[in-house]
Structures are given as structure tokens and as C-alpha cells.
PDB file of N, CA and C in Angstrom:
ATOM      1  N   UNK A   1      15.464 -18.495  43.646  1.00  0.00           N
ATOM      2  CA  UNK A   1      15.290 -16.393  43.925  1.00  0.00           C
ATOM      3  C   UNK A   1      14.040 -17.222  44.855  1.00  0.00           C
ATOM      4  N   UNK A   2      13.371 -17.907  45.281  1.00  0.00           N
ATOM      5  CA  UNK A   2      12.477 -18.248  46.309  1.00  0.00           C
ATOM      6  C   UNK A   2      13.664 -18.069  47.896  1.00  0.00           C
ATOM      7  N   UNK A   3      14.753 -18.947  48.006  1.00  0.00           N
ATOM      8  CA  UNK A   3      15.401 -19.443  49.110  1.00  0.00           C
ATOM      9  C   UNK A   3      15.962 -17.997  49.147  1.00  0.00           C
ATOM     10  N   UNK A   4      16.853 -16.813  48.417  1.00  0.00           N
ATOM     11  CA  UNK A   4      17.569 -15.824  48.766  1.00  0.00           C
ATOM     12  C   UNK A   4      16.201 -15.215  49.410  1.00  0.00           C
ATOM     13  N   UNK A   5      14.838 -14.469  48.859  1.00  0.00           N
ATOM     14  CA  UNK A   5      13.931 -14.021  49.563  1.00  0.00           C
ATOM     15  C   UNK A   5      14.440 -13.991  50.992  1.00  0.00           C
ATOM     16  N   UNK A   6      13.650 -15.107  51.562  1.00  0.00           N
ATOM     17  CA  UNK A   6      13.885 -16.350  52.228  1.00  0.00           C
ATOM     18  C   UNK A   6      14.612 -15.680  53.447  1.00  0.00           C
ATOM     19  N   UNK A   7      16.060 -15.985  52.858  1.00  0.00           N
ATOM     20  CA  UNK A   7      17.391 -16.091  53.608  1.00  0.00           C
ATOM     21  C   UNK A   7      18.305 -14.264  54.049  1.00  0.00           C
ATOM     22  N   UNK A   8      18.031 -13.584  52.805  1.00  0.00           N
ATOM     23  CA  UNK A   8      18.316 -11.904  52.179  1.00  0.00           C
ATOM     24  C   UNK A   8      17.541 -11.129  52.823  1.00  0.00           C
ATOM     25  N   UNK A   9      16.078 -11.230  52.013  1.00  0.00           N
ATOM     26  CA  UNK A   9      15.368  -9.982  51.686  1.00  0.00           C
ATOM     27  C   UNK A   9      14.387 -10.074  52.648  1.00  0.00           C
ATOM     28  N   UNK A  10      13.671 -10.893  53.341  1.00  0.00           N
ATOM     29  CA  UNK A  10      12.879 -10.641  54.450  1.00  0.00           C
ATOM     30  C   UNK A  10      13.175 -10.138  55.254  1.00  0.00           C
ATOM     31  N   UNK A  11      14.488 -10.727  56.039  1.00  0.00           N
ATOM     32  CA  UNK A  11      15.560 -10.383  56.902  1.00  0.00           C
ATOM     33  C   UNK A  11      16.158  -9.421  56.286  1.00  0.00           C
ATOM     34  N   UNK A  12      16.018  -9.020  55.717  1.00  0.00           N
ATOM     35  CA  UNK A  12      16.644  -6.814  55.503  1.00  0.00           C
ATOM     36  C   UNK A  12      15.798  -6.315  55.718  1.00  0.00           C
ATOM     37  N   UNK A  13      14.791  -6.840  54.769  1.00  0.00           N
ATOM     38  CA  UNK A  13      13.224  -5.884  55.230  1.00  0.00           C
ATOM     39  C   UNK A  13      13.050  -5.634  56.030  1.00  0.00           C
ATOM     40  N   UNK A  14      12.535  -6.696  57.217  1.00  0.00           N
ATOM     41  CA  UNK A  14      12.181  -6.302  58.946  1.00  0.00           C
ATOM     42  C   UNK A  14      13.322  -6.060  59.714  1.00  0.00           C
ATOM     43  N   UNK A  15      14.173  -5.764  59.669  1.00  0.00           N
ATOM     44  CA  UNK A  15      15.831  -4.949  60.041  1.00  0.00           C
ATOM     45  C   UNK A  15      15.209  -3.605  59.502  1.00  0.00           C
ATOM     46  N   UNK A  16      15.367  -3.362  58.635  1.00  0.00           N
ATOM     47  CA  UNK A  16      15.077  -1.720  57.756  1.00  0.00           C
ATOM     48  C   UNK A  16      13.943  -1.608  59.071  1.00  0.00           C
ATOM     49  N   UNK A  17      12.599  -2.433  58.903  1.00  0.00           N
ATOM     50  CA  UNK A  17      11.414  -1.722  59.251  1.00  0.00           C
ATOM     51  C   UNK A  17      11.679  -1.638  60.709  1.00  0.00           C
ATOM     52  N   UNK A  18      12.892  -2.323  61.670  1.00  0.00           N
ATOM     53  CA  UNK A  18      13.117  -2.084  62.496  1.00  0.00           C
ATOM     54  C   UNK A  18      14.208  -0.945  63.008  1.00  0.00           C
ATOM     55  N   UNK A  19      14.260  -0.532  62.108  1.00  0.00           N
ATOM     56  CA  UNK A  19      15.496   0.536  62.867  1.00  0.00           C
ATOM     57  C   UNK A  19      14.967   2.058  61.879  1.00  0.00           C
ATOM     58  N   UNK A  20      14.076   1.701  61.287  1.00  0.00           N
ATOM     59  CA  UNK A  20      13.151   3.123  60.103  1.00  0.00           C
ATOM     60  C   UNK A  20      12.273   2.782  60.999  1.00  0.00           C
ATOM     61  N   UNK A  21      12.300   2.626  62.496  1.00  0.00           N
ATOM     62  CA  UNK A  21      10.553   3.220  62.894  1.00  0.00           C
ATOM     63  C   UNK A  21      10.915   4.279  63.857  1.00  0.00           C
ATOM     64  N   UNK A  22      12.883   4.204  64.269  1.00  0.00           N
ATOM     65  CA  UNK A  22      12.706   4.992  64.969  1.00  0.00           C
ATOM     66  C   UNK A  22      13.724   6.779  64.406  1.00  0.00           C
ATOM     67  N   UNK A  23      13.056   6.587  63.079  1.00  0.00           N
ATOM     68  CA  UNK A  23      13.676   8.383  62.661  1.00  0.00           C
ATOM     69  C   UNK A  23      12.763   8.556  62.262  1.00  0.00           C
ATOM     70  N   UNK A  24      12.690  10.188  61.895  1.00  0.00           N
ATOM     71  CA  UNK A  24      11.506  11.020  61.470  1.00  0.00           C
ATOM     72  C   UNK A  24      11.114  10.898  60.151  1.00  0.00           C
ATOM     73  N   UNK A  25       9.596  11.053  60.418  1.00  0.00           N
ATOM     74  CA  UNK A  25       8.781  10.471  58.998  1.00  0.00           C
ATOM     75  C   UNK A  25       9.552  11.491  57.944  1.00  0.00           C
ATOM     76  N   UNK A  26      10.155  12.078  58.039  1.00  0.00           N
ATOM     77  CA  UNK A  26      10.691  13.163  56.902  1.00  0.00           C
ATOM     78  C   UNK A  26      11.896  12.042  56.268  1.00  0.00           C
ATOM     79  N   UNK A  27      12.571  11.711  57.465  1.00  0.00           N
ATOM     80  CA  UNK A  27      13.732  10.352  56.662  1.00  0.00           C
ATOM     81  C   UNK A  27      13.252   9.472  55.811  1.00  0.00           C
ATOM     82  N   UNK A  28      12.163   8.298  56.812  1.00  0.00           N
ATOM     83  CA  UNK A  28      11.569   7.257  56.394  1.00  0.00           C
ATOM     84  C   UNK A  28      10.712   7.552  55.151  1.00  0.00           C
ATOM     85  N   UNK A  29      10.281   9.110  54.864  1.00  0.00           N
ATOM     86  CA  UNK A  29       9.816   9.032  53.422  1.00  0.00           C
ATOM     87  C   UNK A  29      10.890   9.505  52.483  1.00  0.00           C
ATOM     88  N   UNK A  30      12.133  10.341  52.749  1.00  0.00           N
ATOM     89  CA  UNK A  30      13.179   9.757  51.830  1.00  0.00           C
ATOM     90  C   UNK A  30      14.324   8.616  51.755  1.00  0.00           C
ATOM     91  N   UNK A  31      13.528   7.578  52.305  1.00  0.00           N
ATOM     92  CA  UNK A  31      14.334   6.616  52.224  1.00  0.00           C
ATOM     93  C   UNK A  31      13.502   5.653  51.794  1.00  0.00           C
ATOM     94  N   UNK A  32      11.937   5.824  52.089  1.00  0.00           N
ATOM     95  CA  UNK A  32      11.158   5.429  50.885  1.00  0.00           C
ATOM     96  C   UNK A  32      10.965   5.189  49.724  1.00  0.00           C
ATOM     97  N   UNK A  33      11.576   6.019  48.866  1.00  0.00           N
ATOM     98  CA  UNK A  33      11.230   7.068  47.194  1.00  0.00           C
ATOM     99  C   UNK A  33      12.211   6.297  46.805  1.00  0.00           C
ATOM    100  N   UNK A  34      13.780   6.719  47.602  1.00  0.00           N
ATOM    101  CA  UNK A  34      15.402   6.128  47.325  1.00  0.00           C
ATOM    102  C   UNK A  34      14.979   5.028  46.960  1.00  0.00           C
ATOM    103  N   UNK A  35      14.039   3.885  47.519  1.00  0.00           N
ATOM    104  CA  UNK A  35      14.148   2.275  47.692  1.00  0.00           C
ATOM    105  C   UNK A  35      13.586   1.544  46.804  1.00  0.00           C
ATOM    106  N   UNK A  36      11.698   2.537  46.495  1.00  0.00           N
ATOM    107  CA  UNK A  36      11.289   2.629  45.216  1.00  0.00           C
ATOM    108  C   UNK A  36      11.662   2.551  43.990  1.00  0.00           C
ATOM    109  N   UNK A  37      12.848   3.970  43.914  1.00  0.00           N
ATOM    110  CA  UNK A  37      13.728   4.188  42.693  1.00  0.00           C
ATOM    111  C   UNK A  37      14.139   3.496  42.198  1.00  0.00           C
ATOM    112  N   UNK A  38      15.108   2.813  43.417  1.00  0.00           N
ATOM    113  CA  UNK A  38      16.261   1.681  43.010  1.00  0.00           C
ATOM    114  C   UNK A  38      15.422   0.175  42.553  1.00  0.00           C
ATOM    115  N   UNK A  39      14.545   0.129  43.439  1.00  0.00           N
ATOM    116  CA  UNK A  39      13.477  -0.860  42.826  1.00  0.00           C
ATOM    117  C   UNK A  39      13.414  -0.631  41.427  1.00  0.00           C
ATOM    118  N   UNK A  40      12.663   0.013  40.786  1.00  0.00           N
ATOM    119  CA  UNK A  40      13.145   0.591  39.538  1.00  0.00           C
ATOM    120  C   UNK A  40      13.142  -0.284  38.803  1.00  0.00           C
ATOM    121  N   UNK A  41      14.953   0.662  39.192  1.00  0.00           N
ATOM    122  CA  UNK A  41      15.997   0.074  38.550  1.00  0.00           C
ATOM    123  C   UNK A  41      16.411  -1.288  38.219  1.00  0.00           C
ATOM    124  N   UNK A  42      16.449  -1.261  39.362  1.00  0.00           N
ATOM    125  CA  UNK A  42      17.035  -3.003  39.043  1.00  0.00           C
ATOM    126  C   UNK A  42      15.854  -3.471  37.845  1.00  0.00           C
ATOM    127  N   UNK A  43      14.422  -3.232  38.939  1.00  0.00           N
ATOM    128  CA  UNK A  43      14.068  -4.054  37.686  1.00  0.00           C
ATOM    129  C   UNK A  43      14.025  -4.280  36.059  1.00  0.00           C
ATOM    130  N   UNK A  44      14.256  -3.012  35.573  1.00  0.00           N
ATOM    131  CA  UNK A  44      14.476  -2.691  34.022  1.00  0.00           C
ATOM    132  C   UNK A  44      16.115  -3.066  34.075  1.00  0.00           C
ATOM    133  N   UNK A  45      17.111  -3.201  34.587  1.00  0.00           N
ATOM    134  CA  UNK A  45      18.311  -3.703  34.097  1.00  0.00           C
ATOM    135  C   UNK A  45      18.365  -5.025  34.723  1.00  0.00           C
ATOM    136  N   UNK A  46      17.629  -5.277  35.054  1.00  0.00           N
ATOM    137  CA  UNK A  46      17.298  -7.213  35.163  1.00  0.00           C
ATOM    138  C   UNK A  46      17.633  -7.694  34.050  1.00  0.00           C
ATOM    139  N   UNK A  47      16.691  -8.059  33.350  1.00  0.00           N
ATOM    140  CA  UNK A  47      17.405  -8.608  31.941  1.00  0.00           C
ATOM    141  C   UNK A  47      18.156  -8.442  31.002  1.00  0.00           C
ATOM    142  N   UNK A  48      18.854  -7.182  31.382  1.00  0.00           N
ATOM    143  CA  UNK A  48      20.123  -7.299  30.262  1.00  0.00           C
ATOM    144  C   UNK A  48      21.559  -7.605  31.184  1.00  0.00           C
ATOM    145  N   UNK A  49      20.995  -7.943  32.943  1.00  0.00           N
ATOM    146  CA  UNK A  49      21.921  -8.552  33.696  1.00  0.00           C
ATOM    147  C   UNK A  49      22.166  -9.721  33.279  1.00  0.00           C
ATOM    148  N   UNK A  50      21.036 -10.758  33.178  1.00  0.00           N
ATOM    149  CA  UNK A  50      20.845 -11.856  33.368  1.00  0.00           C
ATOM    150  C   UNK A  50      21.004 -12.337  32.356  1.00  0.00           C
ATOM    151  N   UNK A  51      21.463 -11.353  30.988  1.00  0.00           N
ATOM    152  CA  UNK A  51      21.694 -12.202  29.900  1.00  0.00           C
ATOM    153  C   UNK A  51      19.472 -12.999  28.895  1.00  0.00           C
ATOM    154  N   UNK A  52      19.683 -12.272  29.525  1.00  0.00           N
ATOM    155  CA  UNK A  52      17.652 -12.319  29.165  1.00  0.00           C
ATOM    156  C   UNK A  52      17.089 -11.257  27.847  1.00  0.00           C
ATOM    157  N   UNK A  53      18.265 -11.062  27.420  1.00  0.00           N
ATOM    158  CA  UNK A  53      17.472  -9.667  26.030  1.00  0.00           C
ATOM    159  C   UNK A  53      17.285 -10.929  25.006  1.00  0.00           C
ATOM    160  N   UNK A  54      17.484 -11.977  24.615  1.00  0.00           N
ATOM    161  CA  UNK A  54      17.075 -12.350  23.720  1.00  0.00           C
ATOM    162  C   UNK A  54      17.464 -11.674  22.329  1.00  0.00           C
ATOM    163  N   UNK A  55      16.731 -11.580  21.301  1.00  0.00           N
ATOM    164  CA  UNK A  55      16.826 -10.895  19.739  1.00  0.00           C
ATOM    165  C   UNK A  55      16.272  -9.462  20.734  1.00  0.00           C
ATOM    166  N   UNK A  56      16.168  -9.257  20.994  1.00  0.00           N
ATOM    167  CA  UNK A  56      15.981  -7.702  21.228  1.00  0.00           C
ATOM    168  C   UNK A  56      16.781  -6.284  20.937  1.00  0.00           C
ATOM    169  N   UNK A  57      16.603  -6.030  19.963  1.00  0.00           N
ATOM    170  CA  UNK A  57      17.808  -4.826  19.370  1.00  0.00           C
ATOM    171  C   UNK A  57      17.485  -3.689  19.624  1.00  0.00           C
ATOM    172  N   UNK A  58      16.827  -3.224  20.754  1.00  0.00           N
ATOM    173  CA  UNK A  58      16.835  -2.184  21.119  1.00  0.00           C
ATOM    174  C   UNK A  58      17.989  -2.132  22.541  1.00  0.00           C
ATOM    175  N   UNK A  59      18.106  -3.355  23.011  1.00  0.00           N
ATOM    176  CA  UNK A  59      19.618  -2.980  24.075  1.00  0.00           C
ATOM    177  C   UNK A  59      21.116  -3.118  23.329  1.00  0.00           C
ATOM    178  N   UNK A  60      21.519  -2.114  23.325  1.00  0.00           N
ATOM    179  CA  UNK A  60      22.891  -1.937  23.300  1.00  0.00           C
ATOM    180  C   UNK A  60      23.671  -2.557  24.115  1.00  0.00           C
ATOM    181  N   UNK A  61      24.803  -3.240  23.046  1.00  0.00           N
ATOM    182  CA  UNK A  61      25.781  -3.193  23.497  1.00  0.00           C
ATOM    183  C   UNK A  61      26.131  -2.618  24.822  1.00  0.00           C
ATOM    184  N   UNK A  62      26.342  -2.728  26.163  1.00  0.00           N
ATOM    185  CA  UNK A  62      27.065  -1.856  27.342  1.00  0.00           C
ATOM    186  C   UNK A  62      26.801  -2.639  28.909  1.00  0.00           C
ATOM    187  N   UNK A  63      27.999  -1.949  29.505  1.00  0.00           N
ATOM    188  CA  UNK A  63      28.034  -2.533  31.052  1.00  0.00           C
ATOM    189  C   UNK A  63      26.502  -2.213  31.746  1.00  0.00           C
ATOM    190  N   UNK A  64      25.789  -2.945  31.887  1.00  0.00           N
ATOM    191  CA  UNK A  64      24.327  -2.507  32.388  1.00  0.00           C
ATOM    192  C   UNK A  64      24.463  -3.232  33.754  1.00  0.00           C
ATOM    193  N   UNK A  65      25.856  -3.718  34.773  1.00  0.00           N
ATOM    194  CA  UNK A  65      26.092  -4.037  35.984  1.00  0.00           C
ATOM    195  C   UNK A  65      26.635  -2.008  36.574  1.00  0.00           C
ATOM    196  N   UNK A  66      27.804  -1.637  35.726  1.00  0.00           N
ATOM    197  CA  UNK A  66      28.081  -0.372  36.092  1.00  0.00           C
ATOM    198  C   UNK A  66      26.947   0.920  36.254  1.00  0.00           C
ATOM    199  N   UNK A  67      25.771   0.585  35.232  1.00  0.00           N
ATOM    200  CA  UNK A  67      25.063   1.573  34.598  1.00  0.00           C
ATOM    201  C   UNK A  67      24.523   1.743  36.194  1.00  0.00           C
ATOM    202  N   UNK A  68      23.382   0.471  36.305  1.00  0.00           N
ATOM    203  CA  UNK A  68      22.978   0.546  37.674  1.00  0.00           C
ATOM    204  C   UNK A  68      23.455   0.545  38.846  1.00  0.00           C
ATOM    205  N   UNK A  69      24.517   0.183  39.143  1.00  0.00           N
ATOM    206  CA  UNK A  69      26.029   1.009  39.840  1.00  0.00           C
ATOM    207  C   UNK A  69      25.765   2.526  40.469  1.00  0.00           C
ATOM    208  N   UNK A  70      25.905   2.504  39.043  1.00  0.00           N
ATOM    209  CA  UNK A  70      25.826   4.310  39.281  1.00  0.00           C
ATOM    210  C   UNK A  70      24.819   4.704  38.908  1.00  0.00           C
ATOM    211  N   UNK A  71      24.186   4.340  38.879  1.00  0.00           N
ATOM    212  CA  UNK A  71      22.214   5.077  38.896  1.00  0.00           C
ATOM    213  C   UNK A  71      22.169   5.157  40.214  1.00  0.00           C
ATOM    214  N   UNK A  72      22.287   4.091  41.365  1.00  0.00           N
ATOM    215  CA  UNK A  72      21.533   3.539  42.393  1.00  0.00           C
ATOM    216  C   UNK A  72      22.938   4.669  43.259  1.00  0.00           C
ATOM    217  N   UNK A  73      24.082   4.302  43.066  1.00  0.00           N
ATOM    218  CA  UNK A  73      24.502   5.221  43.559  1.00  0.00           C
ATOM    219  C   UNK A  73      24.232   7.285  43.903  1.00  0.00           C
ATOM    220  N   UNK A  74      23.977   7.427  42.372  1.00  0.00           N
ATOM    221  CA  UNK A  74      22.993   8.690  42.400  1.00  0.00           C
ATOM    222  C   UNK A  74      21.929   9.451  43.500  1.00  0.00           C
ATOM    223  N   UNK A  75      21.027   7.687  43.285  1.00  0.00           N
ATOM    224  CA  UNK A  75      19.469   7.648  44.066  1.00  0.00           C
ATOM    225  C   UNK A  75      19.838   8.359  45.326  1.00  0.00           C
ATOM    226  N   UNK A  76      20.500   7.386  45.967  1.00  0.00           N
ATOM    227  CA  UNK A  76      21.395   6.718  47.327  1.00  0.00           C
ATOM    228  C   UNK A  76      21.776   8.611  47.859  1.00  0.00           C
ATOM    229  N   UNK A  77      22.697   8.428  46.773  1.00  0.00           N
ATOM    230  CA  UNK A  77      23.407   9.492  46.817  1.00  0.00           C
ATOM    231  C   UNK A  77      22.124  11.136  47.239  1.00  0.00           C
ATOM    232  N   UNK A  78      21.794  11.252  46.311  1.00  0.00           N
ATOM    233  CA  UNK A  78      20.909  12.489  46.158  1.00  0.00           C
ATOM    234  C   UNK A  78      19.671  12.105  47.762  1.00  0.00           C
ATOM    235  N   UNK A  79      19.268  11.147  47.923  1.00  0.00           N
ATOM    236  CA  UNK A  79      18.500  10.837  48.931  1.00  0.00           C
ATOM    237  C   UNK A  79      19.522  11.407  50.016  1.00  0.00           C
ATOM    238  N   UNK A  80      20.729  11.028  50.879  1.00  0.00           N
ATOM    239  CA  UNK A  80      21.854  11.204  51.699  1.00  0.00           C
ATOM    240  C   UNK A  80      21.751  12.753  51.252  1.00  0.00           C
ATOM    241  N   UNK A  81      22.284  13.579  50.757  1.00  0.00           N
ATOM    242  CA  UNK A  81      21.736  14.707  50.355  1.00  0.00           C
ATOM    243  C   UNK A  81      20.844  15.652  50.985  1.00  0.00           C
ATOM    244  N   UNK A  82      19.749  15.613  50.749  1.00  0.00           N
ATOM    245  CA  UNK A  82      18.058  15.753  51.174  1.00  0.00           C
ATOM    246  C   UNK A  82      18.771  15.630  52.739  1.00  0.00           C
ATOM    247  N   UNK A  83      18.663  14.416  53.161  1.00  0.00           N
ATOM    248  CA  UNK A  83      18.541  14.604  54.596  1.00  0.00           C
ATOM    249  C   UNK A  83      19.307  15.099  55.220  1.00  0.00           C
ATOM    250  N   UNK A  84      20.476  15.760  54.597  1.00  0.00           N
ATOM    251  CA  UNK A  84      21.720  16.374  54.957  1.00  0.00           C
ATOM    252  C   UNK A  84      21.480  18.033  55.278  1.00  0.00           C
ATOM    253  N   UNK A  85      21.069  18.106  53.651  1.00  0.00           N
ATOM    254  CA  UNK A  85      20.363  19.528  53.652  1.00  0.00           C
ATOM    255  C   UNK A  85      19.155  19.883  54.797  1.00  0.00           C
ATOM    256  N   UNK A  86      18.021  18.435  54.672  1.00  0.00           N
ATOM    257  CA  UNK A  86      17.091  19.335  55.368  1.00  0.00           C
ATOM    258  C   UNK A  86      17.872  19.249  57.052  1.00  0.00           C
ATOM    259  N   UNK A  87      18.180  18.412  57.936  1.00  0.00           N
ATOM    260  CA  UNK A  87      19.073  18.674  59.132  1.00  0.00           C
ATOM    261  C   UNK A  87      19.431  19.980  59.462  1.00  0.00           C
ATOM    262  N   UNK A  88      21.023  19.980  58.601  1.00  0.00           N
ATOM    263  CA  UNK A  88      21.478  21.174  58.612  1.00  0.00           C
ATOM    264  C   UNK A  88      19.988  22.484  58.674  1.00  0.00           C
ATOM    265  N   UNK A  89      19.552  22.696  57.514  1.00  0.00           N
ATOM    266  CA  UNK A  89      18.503  23.855  58.159  1.00  0.00           C
ATOM    267  C   UNK A  89      18.151  23.373  58.817  1.00  0.00           C
ATOM    268  N   UNK A  90      17.394  22.610  59.520  1.00  0.00           N
ATOM    269  CA  UNK A  90      16.682  22.279  61.292  1.00  0.00           C
ATOM    270  C   UNK A  90      17.534  22.811  61.769  1.00  0.00           C
ATOM    271  N   UNK A  91      18.668  23.092  61.743  1.00  0.00           N
ATOM    272  CA  UNK A  91      20.224  23.095  62.854  1.00  0.00           C
ATOM    273  C   UNK A  91      20.309  24.535  63.336  1.00  0.00           C
ATOM    274  N   UNK A  92      20.134  24.419  61.910  1.00  0.00           N
ATOM    275  CA  UNK A  92      20.197  26.564  61.855  1.00  0.00           C
ATOM    276  C   UNK A  92      19.063  27.011  62.442  1.00  0.00           C
ATOM    277  N   UNK A  93      17.913  26.948  62.163  1.00  0.00           N
ATOM    278  CA  UNK A  93      16.942  27.536  63.372  1.00  0.00           C
ATOM    279  C   UNK A  93      16.446  27.082  64.653  1.00  0.00           C
TER     280      UNK A  93
END
């Protein structure tokens, strides 16, 4: 996990920071909120995805990877819609 962090996650965050510094405060806020929600969803879905549910009877037999992907799609889709609506509203005024 440490290698994955150093090779994938750290450079991705650095790149996102550089790209984000050129964006408006509104867009950075929307992306930050979407990233926090995405991280929270991933943390909740991680144990079932890794099969570490143990004898937890509350884990239902379902496709957690598909659920996570759909949830992430909804979050980032909502973020894209929020940014688009804001840009369109600013363009009209």
C-alpha cells in the first residue's frame, strides 16, 4: 500500500494541485467536496471490496464494486453539473 501511495497517489495529488491552482475558487471548492465525498464512499466500500467483512451479518450479498462506481459517477456528475450551471449562469449575466 505504501508503494501504491508513493507511485500513484502522491503524484496524482501533486498534479491535481498544480492544475487546481489555475482554477477559480468555486471550481476548486466543488472539486474538493466531490473528492472528500468520493474518499468517504471508497472507505465505506473498501472492506466488502477486499472481502474483509468477516462474519458481519449486516453486509448484504451484492456487487459493491458496481455500487461504488455508480456512486462515484453520481458524485462527479453532480459536480460537473454544478460547475456547468455556474458557468452558464455567469455567461448570461
